[in-house]
């Protein structure tokens, strides 16, 4: 089935001084997630600074009745590209807390409830840093073992988690689910089909857009999904765009903080910032790659798995599409994730 590059690009792009890592708890708020709150965990909204001085907002989950006199393993969890912590990342964080881990699901800088201006910037460098800032925060907790911290990245954050681990040896184990390499996609196009001529035309358009942003003083955003959930997928969308629409624009995954749009000129950073170039250097720390059998994105995971050094493992979820590993708790292999991190963070 033929995929229109323009539509896919739109869906994906649409898709006090405090020491870094030292946090303060935010005020308690009403439950604002797309999933049901578990009675097996304690939840708290927290905030902390990354090394750029941007305040990162996160949800912390921990097993109810956690013995804080002991040291426990912890996991920092990133969102799908364009998503927020109240969606898929929160589902993973809560589920792994139920299984004994201290976890945080965070909003990337400039997005969701995290700080940073202008809003809706997408930055590979800063999004990678946000994983390390999460490690900073978890390691500041007296009941977390600094030598037993791992990371989970979903969709675009899968590549961010791996890239962070290339230089941050404090991340002892990494798992990805439905991974997307956004730098590869933006520079090379879908399945590396972008020609040099097409790339240069895109860069010409981005150059014009930068002047528009300068003159307008407010950066323009890529098209966003509807601000309120809709009941059906519009006709005429290609299969991949339809899949993302199903999640972000319909009741299944819609959240008001997730408009799945970024500043148009954010693409320039990704085209100039390759991710995962040093993935082999993560060894001997283990990587678990999880992908759906029917995921349109599986080539990103397959190629990253090939590039990675041992120890590594590829886990394929039968029948799962790309977005199914965002929220389908009957498909997300939490038992596999639990056994992987239990062994890796022992």
C-alpha atoms as a PDB file:
ATOM      1  CA  UNK A   1       0.000   0.000   0.000  1.00  0.00           C
ATOM      2  CA  UNK A   2       1.484   3.306  -1.067  1.00  0.00           C
ATOM      3  CA  UNK A   3       2.229   5.873   1.630  1.00  0.00           C
ATOM      4  CA  UNK A   4       2.177   9.585   0.896  1.00  0.00           C
ATOM      5  CA  UNK A   5       5.309  11.136   2.338  1.00  0.00           C
ATOM      6  CA  UNK A   6       3.653  14.532   2.844  1.00  0.00           C
ATOM      7  CA  UNK A   7       0.823  13.062   4.898  1.00  0.00           C
ATOM      8  CA  UNK A   8       3.206  10.946   6.967  1.00  0.00           C
ATOM      9  CA  UNK A   9       5.443  13.905   7.676  1.00  0.00           C
ATOM     10  CA  UNK A  10       2.458  15.927   8.836  1.00  0.00           C
ATOM     11  CA  UNK A  11       1.238  13.157  11.132  1.00  0.00           C
ATOM     12  CA  UNK A  12       4.627  12.627  12.735  1.00  0.00           C
ATOM     13  CA  UNK A  13       5.576  16.277  13.064  1.00  0.00           C
ATOM     14  CA  UNK A  14       1.997  16.901  14.189  1.00  0.00           C
ATOM     15  CA  UNK A  15       2.537  13.852  15.760  1.00  0.00           C
ATOM     16  CA  UNK A  16      14.642  29.734  43.433  1.00  0.00           C
ATOM     17  CA  UNK A  17      17.811  28.368  41.723  1.00  0.00           C
ATOM     18  CA  UNK A  18      17.694  24.571  41.571  1.00  0.00           C
ATOM     19  CA  UNK A  19      20.586  22.166  41.014  1.00  0.00           C
ATOM     20  CA  UNK A  20      19.904  19.822  38.070  1.00  0.00           C
ATOM     21  CA  UNK A  21      18.183  16.672  39.286  1.00  0.00           C
ATOM     22  CA  UNK A  22      17.143  18.029  42.682  1.00  0.00           C
ATOM     23  CA  UNK A  23      13.376  18.218  42.705  1.00  0.00           C
ATOM     24  CA  UNK A  24      10.419  19.694  44.447  1.00  0.00           C
ATOM     25  CA  UNK A  25       6.991  18.070  44.575  1.00  0.00           C
ATOM     26  CA  UNK A  26       4.153  19.814  42.793  1.00  0.00           C
ATOM     27  CA  UNK A  27       0.715  20.319  44.315  1.00  0.00           C
ATOM     28  CA  UNK A  28      -1.587  17.326  44.116  1.00  0.00           C
ATOM     29  CA  UNK A  29      -4.121  17.490  41.335  1.00  0.00           C
ATOM     30  CA  UNK A  30      -7.090  15.491  40.162  1.00  0.00           C
ATOM     31  CA  UNK A  31      -6.304  12.359  38.138  1.00  0.00           C
ATOM     32  CA  UNK A  32      -5.724  13.574  34.572  1.00  0.00           C
ATOM     33  CA  UNK A  33      -4.542  10.474  32.731  1.00  0.00           C
ATOM     34  CA  UNK A  34      -6.137   8.532  29.885  1.00  0.00           C
ATOM     35  CA  UNK A  35      -5.831   5.342  31.969  1.00  0.00           C
ATOM     36  CA  UNK A  36      -7.306   4.202  35.273  1.00  0.00           C
ATOM     37  CA  UNK A  37      -5.349   4.850  38.443  1.00  0.00           C
ATOM     38  CA  UNK A  38      -3.980   1.727  40.099  1.00  0.00           C
ATOM     39  CA  UNK A  39      -4.604   1.088  43.799  1.00  0.00           C
ATOM     40  CA  UNK A  40      -1.278  -0.760  43.956  1.00  0.00           C
ATOM     41  CA  UNK A  41       0.918   2.303  43.546  1.00  0.00           C
ATOM     42  CA  UNK A  42       1.451   5.757  44.985  1.00  0.00           C
ATOM     43  CA  UNK A  43       1.518   8.631  42.503  1.00  0.00           C
ATOM     44  CA  UNK A  44       2.987  12.105  42.780  1.00  0.00           C
ATOM     45  CA  UNK A  45       3.581  14.980  40.371  1.00  0.00           C
ATOM     46  CA  UNK A  46       7.193  16.175  40.543  1.00  0.00           C
ATOM     47  CA  UNK A  47       9.413  18.725  38.806  1.00  0.00           C
ATOM     48  CA  UNK A  48      13.174  19.095  38.384  1.00  0.00           C
ATOM     49  CA  UNK A  49      15.676  20.949  36.235  1.00  0.00           C
ATOM     50  CA  UNK A  50      17.661  19.572  33.316  1.00  0.00           C
ATOM     51  CA  UNK A  51      21.181  20.819  32.617  1.00  0.00           C
ATOM     52  CA  UNK A  52      19.815  23.570  30.358  1.00  0.00           C
ATOM     53  CA  UNK A  53      17.876  24.960  33.319  1.00  0.00           C
ATOM     54  CA  UNK A  54      14.492  23.947  31.906  1.00  0.00           C
ATOM     55  CA  UNK A  55      11.952  22.632  34.397  1.00  0.00           C
ATOM     56  CA  UNK A  56      10.849  19.112  33.490  1.00  0.00           C
ATOM     57  CA  UNK A  57       7.464  17.937  34.731  1.00  0.00           C
ATOM     58  CA  UNK A  58       6.994  14.257  35.553  1.00  0.00           C
ATOM     59  CA  UNK A  59       4.686  11.784  37.254  1.00  0.00           C
ATOM     60  CA  UNK A  60       6.383   9.571  39.843  1.00  0.00           C
ATOM     61  CA  UNK A  61       4.992   6.134  40.588  1.00  0.00           C
ATOM     62  CA  UNK A  62       6.164   3.722  43.273  1.00  0.00           C
ATOM     63  CA  UNK A  63       4.791   0.529  44.809  1.00  0.00           C
ATOM     64  CA  UNK A  64       2.334   1.239  47.605  1.00  0.00           C
ATOM     65  CA  UNK A  65       3.948   0.646  50.962  1.00  0.00           C
ATOM     66  CA  UNK A  66       7.470   0.911  49.529  1.00  0.00           C
ATOM     67  CA  UNK A  67      10.119   0.386  52.214  1.00  0.00           C
ATOM     68  CA  UNK A  68      12.011   3.669  52.000  1.00  0.00           C
ATOM     69  CA  UNK A  69      14.724   2.393  54.325  1.00  0.00           C
ATOM     70  CA  UNK A  70      15.939   0.198  51.444  1.00  0.00           C
ATOM     71  CA  UNK A  71      17.403   1.029  48.017  1.00  0.00           C
ATOM     72  CA  UNK A  72      15.259   0.152  45.015  1.00  0.00           C
ATOM     73  CA  UNK A  73      15.681  -0.054  41.214  1.00  0.00           C
ATOM     74  CA  UNK A  74      14.183   2.747  39.130  1.00  0.00           C
ATOM     75  CA  UNK A  75      13.213   3.473  35.517  1.00  0.00           C
ATOM     76  CA  UNK A  76      12.835   6.762  33.600  1.00  0.00           C
ATOM     77  CA  UNK A  77      10.233   6.563  30.815  1.00  0.00           C
ATOM     78  CA  UNK A  78       9.808   8.815  27.776  1.00  0.00           C
ATOM     79  CA  UNK A  79       6.678   9.512  25.750  1.00  0.00           C
ATOM     80  CA  UNK A  80       5.827   8.657  22.164  1.00  0.00           C
ATOM     81  CA  UNK A  81       6.836  11.475  19.809  1.00  0.00           C
ATOM     82  CA  UNK A  82       4.115  14.097  20.168  1.00  0.00           C
ATOM     83  CA  UNK A  83       2.664  12.486  23.283  1.00  0.00           C
ATOM     84  CA  UNK A  84       2.601  13.438  26.946  1.00  0.00           C
ATOM     85  CA  UNK A  85       3.143  11.646  30.244  1.00  0.00           C
ATOM     86  CA  UNK A  86      -0.602  11.288  30.818  1.00  0.00           C
ATOM     87  CA  UNK A  87      -0.796   8.826  27.917  1.00  0.00           C
ATOM     88  CA  UNK A  88       1.401   5.849  27.003  1.00  0.00           C
ATOM     89  CA  UNK A  89       4.440   6.721  29.106  1.00  0.00           C
ATOM     90  CA  UNK A  90       2.244   6.883  32.184  1.00  0.00           C
ATOM     91  CA  UNK A  91       0.775   3.477  31.407  1.00  0.00           C
ATOM     92  CA  UNK A  92       4.280   1.990  31.342  1.00  0.00           C
ATOM     93  CA  UNK A  93       5.347   3.876  34.470  1.00  0.00           C
ATOM     94  CA  UNK A  94       2.352   2.764  36.508  1.00  0.00           C
ATOM     95  CA  UNK A  95       2.585  -0.839  35.337  1.00  0.00           C
ATOM     96  CA  UNK A  96       6.286  -1.097  36.133  1.00  0.00           C
ATOM     97  CA  UNK A  97       5.683   0.452  39.560  1.00  0.00           C
ATOM     98  CA  UNK A  98       3.117  -2.247  40.193  1.00  0.00           C
ATOM     99  CA  UNK A  99       5.931  -4.692  39.512  1.00  0.00           C
ATOM    100  CA  UNK A 100       8.295  -3.220  42.076  1.00  0.00           C
ATOM    101  CA  UNK A 101      10.149  -0.365  40.353  1.00  0.00           C
ATOM    102  CA  UNK A 102      10.251   3.322  41.202  1.00  0.00           C
ATOM    103  CA  UNK A 103       9.355   5.067  37.940  1.00  0.00           C
ATOM    104  CA  UNK A 104       8.851   8.468  36.369  1.00  0.00           C
ATOM    105  CA  UNK A 105       7.082   9.367  33.121  1.00  0.00           C
ATOM    106  CA  UNK A 106       8.090  12.834  31.940  1.00  0.00           C
ATOM    107  CA  UNK A 107       7.052  15.513  29.469  1.00  0.00           C
ATOM    108  CA  UNK A 108       9.873  16.588  27.164  1.00  0.00           C
ATOM    109  CA  UNK A 109      11.106  20.161  27.515  1.00  0.00           C
ATOM    110  CA  UNK A 110       8.912  22.790  25.807  1.00  0.00           C
ATOM    111  CA  UNK A 111       5.968  20.378  25.758  1.00  0.00           C
ATOM    112  CA  UNK A 112       3.162  19.198  28.013  1.00  0.00           C
ATOM    113  CA  UNK A 113       3.542  20.563  31.531  1.00  0.00           C
ATOM    114  CA  UNK A 114       7.305  20.992  31.251  1.00  0.00           C
ATOM    115  CA  UNK A 115       8.859  24.428  30.926  1.00  0.00           C
ATOM    116  CA  UNK A 116      10.756  26.062  28.103  1.00  0.00           C
ATOM    117  CA  UNK A 117       9.931  28.769  25.561  1.00  0.00           C
ATOM    118  CA  UNK A 118       8.956  29.054  22.830  1.00  0.00           C
ATOM    119  CA  UNK A 119       6.399  26.321  23.309  1.00  0.00           C
ATOM    120  CA  UNK A 120       6.256  23.170  21.185  1.00  0.00           C
ATOM    121  CA  UNK A 121       9.922  23.148  20.261  1.00  0.00           C
ATOM    122  CA  UNK A 122      11.243  19.699  19.387  1.00  0.00           C
ATOM    123  CA  UNK A 123      14.962  19.268  20.021  1.00  0.00           C
ATOM    124  CA  UNK A 124      16.896  15.995  19.723  1.00  0.00           C
ATOM    125  CA  UNK A 125      19.701  17.301  21.935  1.00  0.00           C
ATOM    126  CA  UNK A 126      17.416  18.532  24.696  1.00  0.00           C
ATOM    127  CA  UNK A 127      15.044  15.555  24.503  1.00  0.00           C
ATOM    128  CA  UNK A 128      18.068  13.288  24.966  1.00  0.00           C
ATOM    129  CA  UNK A 129      19.184  15.408  27.925  1.00  0.00           C
ATOM    130  CA  UNK A 130      15.723  15.053  29.460  1.00  0.00           C
ATOM    131  CA  UNK A 131      16.414  11.332  29.954  1.00  0.00           C
ATOM    132  CA  UNK A 132      19.623  12.104  31.838  1.00  0.00           C
ATOM    133  CA  UNK A 133      17.780  14.730  33.892  1.00  0.00           C
ATOM    134  CA  UNK A 134      15.311  12.012  34.834  1.00  0.00           C
ATOM    135  CA  UNK A 135      18.215   9.902  36.044  1.00  0.00           C
ATOM    136  CA  UNK A 136      19.409  12.915  38.054  1.00  0.00           C
ATOM    137  CA  UNK A 137      16.022  13.140  39.736  1.00  0.00           C
ATOM    138  CA  UNK A 138      15.646   9.445  40.476  1.00  0.00           C
ATOM    139  CA  UNK A 139      19.176   9.304  41.864  1.00  0.00           C
ATOM    140  CA  UNK A 140      18.346  12.167  44.229  1.00  0.00           C
ATOM    141  CA  UNK A 141      15.740   9.994  45.975  1.00  0.00           C
ATOM    142  CA  UNK A 142      17.175   8.393  49.112  1.00  0.00           C
ATOM    143  CA  UNK A 143      15.364   5.104  48.436  1.00  0.00           C
ATOM    144  CA  UNK A 144      16.627   4.685  44.849  1.00  0.00           C
ATOM    145  CA  UNK A 145      19.838   2.782  44.118  1.00  0.00           C
ATOM    146  CA  UNK A 146      21.906   5.000  41.816  1.00  0.00           C
ATOM    147  CA  UNK A 147      23.561   1.901  40.352  1.00  0.00           C
ATOM    148  CA  UNK A 148      20.197   0.401  39.315  1.00  0.00           C
ATOM    149  CA  UNK A 149      18.523   2.921  37.048  1.00  0.00           C
ATOM    150  CA  UNK A 150      17.184   1.997  33.607  1.00  0.00           C
ATOM    151  CA  UNK A 151      15.265   3.703  30.798  1.00  0.00           C
ATOM    152  CA  UNK A 152      12.296   2.934  28.553  1.00  0.00           C
ATOM    153  CA  UNK A 153      11.669   4.884  25.366  1.00  0.00           C
ATOM    154  CA  UNK A 154       8.452   4.612  23.353  1.00  0.00           C
ATOM    155  CA  UNK A 155       8.287   5.592  19.672  1.00  0.00           C
ATOM    156  CA  UNK A 156      10.536   8.644  19.172  1.00  0.00           C
ATOM    157  CA  UNK A 157      11.792   8.539  22.743  1.00  0.00           C
ATOM    158  CA  UNK A 158      13.200   5.079  22.073  1.00  0.00           C
ATOM    159  CA  UNK A 159      15.972   6.657  20.017  1.00  0.00           C
ATOM    160  CA  UNK A 160      16.363   9.437  22.588  1.00  0.00           C
ATOM    161  CA  UNK A 161      16.816   6.876  25.375  1.00  0.00           C
ATOM    162  CA  UNK A 162      19.445   4.969  23.402  1.00  0.00           C
ATOM    163  CA  UNK A 163      21.287   8.170  22.495  1.00  0.00           C
ATOM    164  CA  UNK A 164      21.293   9.268  26.141  1.00  0.00           C
ATOM    165  CA  UNK A 165      22.704   5.910  27.213  1.00  0.00           C
ATOM    166  CA  UNK A 166      25.562   6.238  24.704  1.00  0.00           C
ATOM    167  CA  UNK A 167      27.131   8.910  26.914  1.00  0.00           C
ATOM    168  CA  UNK A 168      25.346   8.481  30.247  1.00  0.00           C
ATOM    169  CA  UNK A 169      26.776   5.348  31.850  1.00  0.00           C
ATOM    170  CA  UNK A 170      24.406   5.754  34.769  1.00  0.00           C
ATOM    171  CA  UNK A 171      21.678   4.265  32.553  1.00  0.00           C
ATOM    172  CA  UNK A 172      22.297   0.575  33.181  1.00  0.00           C
ATOM    173  CA  UNK A 173      19.688  -0.953  30.863  1.00  0.00           C
ATOM    174  CA  UNK A 174      17.464   0.301  28.038  1.00  0.00           C
ATOM    175  CA  UNK A 175      14.214  -0.939  26.520  1.00  0.00           C
ATOM    176  CA  UNK A 176      12.481   0.511  23.476  1.00  0.00           C
ATOM    177  CA  UNK A 177       8.936  -0.038  22.217  1.00  0.00           C
ATOM    178  CA  UNK A 178       7.771   0.827  18.690  1.00  0.00           C
ATOM    179  CA  UNK A 179      10.936   2.855  18.225  1.00  0.00           C
ATOM    180  CA  UNK A 180      11.212   5.705  15.704  1.00  0.00           C
ATOM    181  CA  UNK A 181      14.492   7.331  14.726  1.00  0.00           C
ATOM    182  CA  UNK A 182      13.193  10.837  14.108  1.00  0.00           C
ATOM    183  CA  UNK A 183      16.537  12.193  12.869  1.00  0.00           C
ATOM    184  CA  UNK A 184      16.777   9.469  10.251  1.00  0.00           C
ATOM    185  CA  UNK A 185      13.188   9.992   9.221  1.00  0.00           C
ATOM    186  CA  UNK A 186      13.441  13.764   8.876  1.00  0.00           C
ATOM    187  CA  UNK A 187      16.738  13.734   7.011  1.00  0.00           C
ATOM    188  CA  UNK A 188      16.181  10.685   4.807  1.00  0.00           C
ATOM    189  CA  UNK A 189      12.392  10.424   4.561  1.00  0.00           C
ATOM    190  CA  UNK A 190      10.196   7.379   4.917  1.00  0.00           C
ATOM    191  CA  UNK A 191      12.283   4.222   4.474  1.00  0.00           C
ATOM    192  CA  UNK A 192      15.188   6.442   3.392  1.00  0.00           C
ATOM    193  CA  UNK A 193      13.392   7.403   0.198  1.00  0.00           C
ATOM    194  CA  UNK A 194      14.164  11.132   0.216  1.00  0.00           C
ATOM    195  CA  UNK A 195      16.428  12.316  -2.597  1.00  0.00           C
ATOM    196  CA  UNK A 196      19.062  15.044  -2.236  1.00  0.00           C
ATOM    197  CA  UNK A 197      16.881  17.292  -4.370  1.00  0.00           C
ATOM    198  CA  UNK A 198      13.890  16.749  -2.088  1.00  0.00           C
ATOM    199  CA  UNK A 199      16.018  17.389   1.009  1.00  0.00           C
ATOM    200  CA  UNK A 200      17.377  20.632  -0.392  1.00  0.00           C
ATOM    201  CA  UNK A 201      13.876  21.765  -1.306  1.00  0.00           C
ATOM    202  CA  UNK A 202      12.760  21.052   2.257  1.00  0.00           C
ATOM    203  CA  UNK A 203      15.692  23.028   3.641  1.00  0.00           C
ATOM    204  CA  UNK A 204      14.834  25.920   1.327  1.00  0.00           C
ATOM    205  CA  UNK A 205      11.307  25.891   2.732  1.00  0.00           C
ATOM    206  CA  UNK A 206      12.625  25.811   6.292  1.00  0.00           C
ATOM    207  CA  UNK A 207      14.888  28.777   5.549  1.00  0.00           C
ATOM    208  CA  UNK A 208      11.861  30.759   4.407  1.00  0.00           C
ATOM    209  CA  UNK A 209       9.984  29.600   7.514  1.00  0.00           C
ATOM    210  CA  UNK A 210      12.721  30.939   9.790  1.00  0.00           C
ATOM    211  CA  UNK A 211      12.305  34.402   8.252  1.00  0.00           C
ATOM    212  CA  UNK A 212       8.537  34.108   8.772  1.00  0.00           C
ATOM    213  CA  UNK A 213       9.125  33.245  12.429  1.00  0.00           C
ATOM    214  CA  UNK A 214      11.489  36.197  12.820  1.00  0.00           C
ATOM    215  CA  UNK A 215       9.025  38.614  11.261  1.00  0.00           C
ATOM    216  CA  UNK A 216       6.037  37.134  13.067  1.00  0.00           C
ATOM    217  CA  UNK A 217       7.874  36.804  16.385  1.00  0.00           C
ATOM    218  CA  UNK A 218       5.951  33.613  17.143  1.00  0.00           C
ATOM    219  CA  UNK A 219       7.118  30.322  15.611  1.00  0.00           C
ATOM    220  CA  UNK A 220       4.574  28.625  13.395  1.00  0.00           C
ATOM    221  CA  UNK A 221       3.531  25.089  14.297  1.00  0.00           C
ATOM    222  CA  UNK A 222       2.955  22.058  12.158  1.00  0.00           C
ATOM    223  CA  UNK A 223      -0.733  21.098  11.782  1.00  0.00           C
ATOM    224  CA  UNK A 224      -2.191  19.698  14.983  1.00  0.00           C
ATOM    225  CA  UNK A 225      -4.719  16.967  15.586  1.00  0.00           C
ATOM    226  CA  UNK A 226      -8.202  18.131  16.744  1.00  0.00           C
ATOM    227  CA  UNK A 227      -8.268  19.812  20.162  1.00  0.00           C
ATOM    228  CA  UNK A 228     -11.231  17.652  21.168  1.00  0.00           C
ATOM    229  CA  UNK A 229     -11.631  13.915  20.496  1.00  0.00           C
ATOM    230  CA  UNK A 230     -13.549  12.975  17.368  1.00  0.00           C
ATOM    231  CA  UNK A 231     -15.620   9.882  16.616  1.00  0.00           C
ATOM    232  CA  UNK A 232     -14.171   8.743  13.321  1.00  0.00           C
ATOM    233  CA  UNK A 233     -11.085   8.870  11.109  1.00  0.00           C
ATOM    234  CA  UNK A 234     -11.440  11.215   8.116  1.00  0.00           C
ATOM    235  CA  UNK A 235     -11.614   9.614   4.700  1.00  0.00           C
ATOM    236  CA  UNK A 236      -8.635   9.796   2.388  1.00  0.00           C
ATOM    237  CA  UNK A 237      -5.842   9.426   4.942  1.00  0.00           C
ATOM    238  CA  UNK A 238      -3.039   6.996   4.198  1.00  0.00           C
ATOM    239  CA  UNK A 239      -2.776   3.992   6.566  1.00  0.00           C
ATOM    240  CA  UNK A 240      -0.014   5.410   8.766  1.00  0.00           C
ATOM    241  CA  UNK A 241      -1.615   8.815   9.191  1.00  0.00           C
ATOM    242  CA  UNK A 242      -4.889   7.035   9.989  1.00  0.00           C
ATOM    243  CA  UNK A 243      -3.173   5.016  12.685  1.00  0.00           C
ATOM    244  CA  UNK A 244      -1.778   8.073  14.441  1.00  0.00           C
ATOM    245  CA  UNK A 245      -5.137   9.824  14.072  1.00  0.00           C
ATOM    246  CA  UNK A 246      -6.796   6.867  15.794  1.00  0.00           C
ATOM    247  CA  UNK A 247      -4.585   7.374  18.828  1.00  0.00           C
ATOM    248  CA  UNK A 248      -4.092  11.128  19.154  1.00  0.00           C
ATOM    249  CA  UNK A 249      -7.398  12.434  17.816  1.00  0.00           C
ATOM    250  CA  UNK A 250      -9.914   9.900  19.079  1.00  0.00           C
ATOM    251  CA  UNK A 251     -11.065   8.958  22.562  1.00  0.00           C
ATOM    252  CA  UNK A 252      -8.579   6.087  22.697  1.00  0.00           C
ATOM    253  CA  UNK A 253      -5.532   8.277  23.351  1.00  0.00           C
ATOM    254  CA  UNK A 254      -6.610  11.919  23.136  1.00  0.00           C
ATOM    255  CA  UNK A 255      -5.323  14.254  25.839  1.00  0.00           C
ATOM    256  CA  UNK A 256      -5.627  18.065  25.772  1.00  0.00           C
ATOM    257  CA  UNK A 257      -1.892  18.499  26.475  1.00  0.00           C
ATOM    258  CA  UNK A 258      -0.983  16.426  23.444  1.00  0.00           C
ATOM    259  CA  UNK A 259      -1.694  18.298  20.220  1.00  0.00           C
ATOM    260  CA  UNK A 260       1.085  16.382  18.433  1.00  0.00           C
ATOM    261  CA  UNK A 261       2.403  19.554  16.795  1.00  0.00           C
ATOM    262  CA  UNK A 262       5.850  21.134  16.941  1.00  0.00           C
ATOM    263  CA  UNK A 263       7.455  24.306  15.628  1.00  0.00           C
ATOM    264  CA  UNK A 264       8.056  23.824  11.916  1.00  0.00           C
ATOM    265  CA  UNK A 265      11.735  24.762  12.142  1.00  0.00           C
ATOM    266  CA  UNK A 266      12.377  22.003  14.719  1.00  0.00           C
ATOM    267  CA  UNK A 267      12.988  19.737  11.739  1.00  0.00           C
ATOM    268  CA  UNK A 268      16.286  21.544  11.070  1.00  0.00           C
ATOM    269  CA  UNK A 269      17.790  20.259  14.321  1.00  0.00           C
ATOM    270  CA  UNK A 270      16.837  16.669  13.597  1.00  0.00           C
ATOM    271  CA  UNK A 271      18.245  16.852  10.077  1.00  0.00           C
ATOM    272  CA  UNK A 272      21.541  18.042  11.566  1.00  0.00           C
ATOM    273  CA  UNK A 273      21.655  15.805  14.664  1.00  0.00           C
ATOM    274  CA  UNK A 274      21.995  12.064  14.010  1.00  0.00           C
ATOM    275  CA  UNK A 275      20.762   9.791  16.780  1.00  0.00           C
ATOM    276  CA  UNK A 276      22.183   6.406  17.836  1.00  0.00           C
ATOM    277  CA  UNK A 277      25.444   6.707  15.864  1.00  0.00           C
ATOM    278  CA  UNK A 278      27.330   5.208  18.806  1.00  0.00           C
ATOM    279  CA  UNK A 279      24.834   2.540  19.819  1.00  0.00           C
ATOM    280  CA  UNK A 280      27.557  -0.117  19.918  1.00  0.00           C
ATOM    281  CA  UNK A 281      29.225   1.758  22.774  1.00  0.00           C
ATOM    282  CA  UNK A 282      26.329   0.939  25.094  1.00  0.00           C
ATOM    283  CA  UNK A 283      27.614  -2.628  25.421  1.00  0.00           C
ATOM    284  CA  UNK A 284      27.967  -4.420  27.834  1.00  0.00           C
ATOM    285  CA  UNK A 285      24.803  -2.758  29.141  1.00  0.00           C
ATOM    286  CA  UNK A 286      21.786  -4.620  27.716  1.00  0.00           C
ATOM    287  CA  UNK A 287      19.146  -3.327  25.293  1.00  0.00           C
ATOM    288  CA  UNK A 288      15.705  -4.846  24.805  1.00  0.00           C
ATOM    289  CA  UNK A 289      14.000  -3.912  21.524  1.00  0.00           C
ATOM    290  CA  UNK A 290      10.222  -4.440  21.434  1.00  0.00           C
ATOM    291  CA  UNK A 291       8.186  -4.047  18.270  1.00  0.00           C
ATOM    292  CA  UNK A 292       4.820  -5.087  16.921  1.00  0.00           C
ATOM    293  CA  UNK A 293       4.609  -7.784  14.286  1.00  0.00           C
ATOM    294  CA  UNK A 294       2.473  -5.501  12.120  1.00  0.00           C
ATOM    295  CA  UNK A 295       4.138  -2.197  13.046  1.00  0.00           C
ATOM    296  CA  UNK A 296       4.771   0.116  10.098  1.00  0.00           C
ATOM    297  CA  UNK A 297       7.820   1.352  12.028  1.00  0.00           C
ATOM    298  CA  UNK A 298       9.507  -1.996  12.537  1.00  0.00           C
ATOM    299  CA  UNK A 299      12.397  -1.225  10.183  1.00  0.00           C
ATOM    300  CA  UNK A 300      13.706   1.341  12.682  1.00  0.00           C
ATOM    301  CA  UNK A 301      13.847  -1.308  15.409  1.00  0.00           C
ATOM    302  CA  UNK A 302      15.247  -4.006  13.144  1.00  0.00           C
ATOM    303  CA  UNK A 303      18.061  -1.759  11.949  1.00  0.00           C
ATOM    304  CA  UNK A 304      18.892  -0.529  15.473  1.00  0.00           C
ATOM    305  CA  UNK A 305      18.970  -4.108  16.701  1.00  0.00           C
ATOM    306  CA  UNK A 306      21.397  -5.017  13.931  1.00  0.00           C
ATOM    307  CA  UNK A 307      23.642  -2.049  14.777  1.00  0.00           C
ATOM    308  CA  UNK A 308      23.688  -2.698  18.534  1.00  0.00           C
ATOM    309  CA  UNK A 309      26.297  -4.875  20.175  1.00  0.00           C
ATOM    310  CA  UNK A 310      25.562  -7.699  22.596  1.00  0.00           C
ATOM    311  CA  UNK A 311      23.859  -8.122  24.965  1.00  0.00           C
ATOM    312  CA  UNK A 312      20.709  -7.313  23.014  1.00  0.00           C
ATOM    313  CA  UNK A 313      17.335  -8.887  22.433  1.00  0.00           C
ATOM    314  CA  UNK A 314      14.550  -8.391  19.892  1.00  0.00           C
ATOM    315  CA  UNK A 315      11.034  -9.147  21.119  1.00  0.00           C
ATOM    316  CA  UNK A 316       8.186  -9.198  18.579  1.00  0.00           C
ATOM    317  CA  UNK A 317       4.600  -8.823  19.792  1.00  0.00           C
ATOM    318  CA  UNK A 318       2.279 -10.956  17.620  1.00  0.00           C
ATOM    319  CA  UNK A 319      -0.405  -8.993  15.784  1.00  0.00           C
ATOM    320  CA  UNK A 320       0.564  -5.618  17.261  1.00  0.00           C
ATOM    321  CA  UNK A 321       0.652  -2.412  15.241  1.00  0.00           C
ATOM    322  CA  UNK A 322       2.855   0.574  16.077  1.00  0.00           C
ATOM    323  CA  UNK A 323       0.349   2.389  18.318  1.00  0.00           C
ATOM    324  CA  UNK A 324      -0.762  -0.805  20.068  1.00  0.00           C
ATOM    325  CA  UNK A 325       2.414  -0.694  22.132  1.00  0.00           C
ATOM    326  CA  UNK A 326       1.418   2.772  23.381  1.00  0.00           C
ATOM    327  CA  UNK A 327      -1.606   1.680  25.390  1.00  0.00           C
ATOM    328  CA  UNK A 328      -2.785  -1.884  24.775  1.00  0.00           C
ATOM    329  CA  UNK A 329      -2.008  -3.440  28.157  1.00  0.00           C
ATOM    330  CA  UNK A 330      -3.087  -6.802  26.770  1.00  0.00           C
ATOM    331  CA  UNK A 331      -0.306  -6.529  24.169  1.00  0.00           C
ATOM    332  CA  UNK A 332       2.492  -4.636  25.907  1.00  0.00           C
ATOM    333  CA  UNK A 333       4.840  -7.364  27.222  1.00  0.00           C
ATOM    334  CA  UNK A 334       5.117  -6.140  30.805  1.00  0.00           C
ATOM    335  CA  UNK A 335       6.239  -9.563  32.016  1.00  0.00           C
ATOM    336  CA  UNK A 336       9.127  -9.417  29.557  1.00  0.00           C
ATOM    337  CA  UNK A 337      10.011  -5.884  30.624  1.00  0.00           C
ATOM    338  CA  UNK A 338       9.900  -6.949  34.261  1.00  0.00           C
ATOM    339  CA  UNK A 339      12.191  -9.926  33.782  1.00  0.00           C
ATOM    340  CA  UNK A 340      14.575  -7.842  31.651  1.00  0.00           C
ATOM    341  CA  UNK A 341      14.950  -5.021  34.161  1.00  0.00           C
ATOM    342  CA  UNK A 342      14.950  -7.335  37.170  1.00  0.00           C
ATOM    343  CA  UNK A 343      17.958  -9.136  35.741  1.00  0.00           C
ATOM    344  CA  UNK A 344      19.704  -6.048  34.332  1.00  0.00           C
ATOM    345  CA  UNK A 345      19.237  -3.951  37.487  1.00  0.00           C
ATOM    346  CA  UNK A 346      19.878  -6.665  40.073  1.00  0.00           C
END
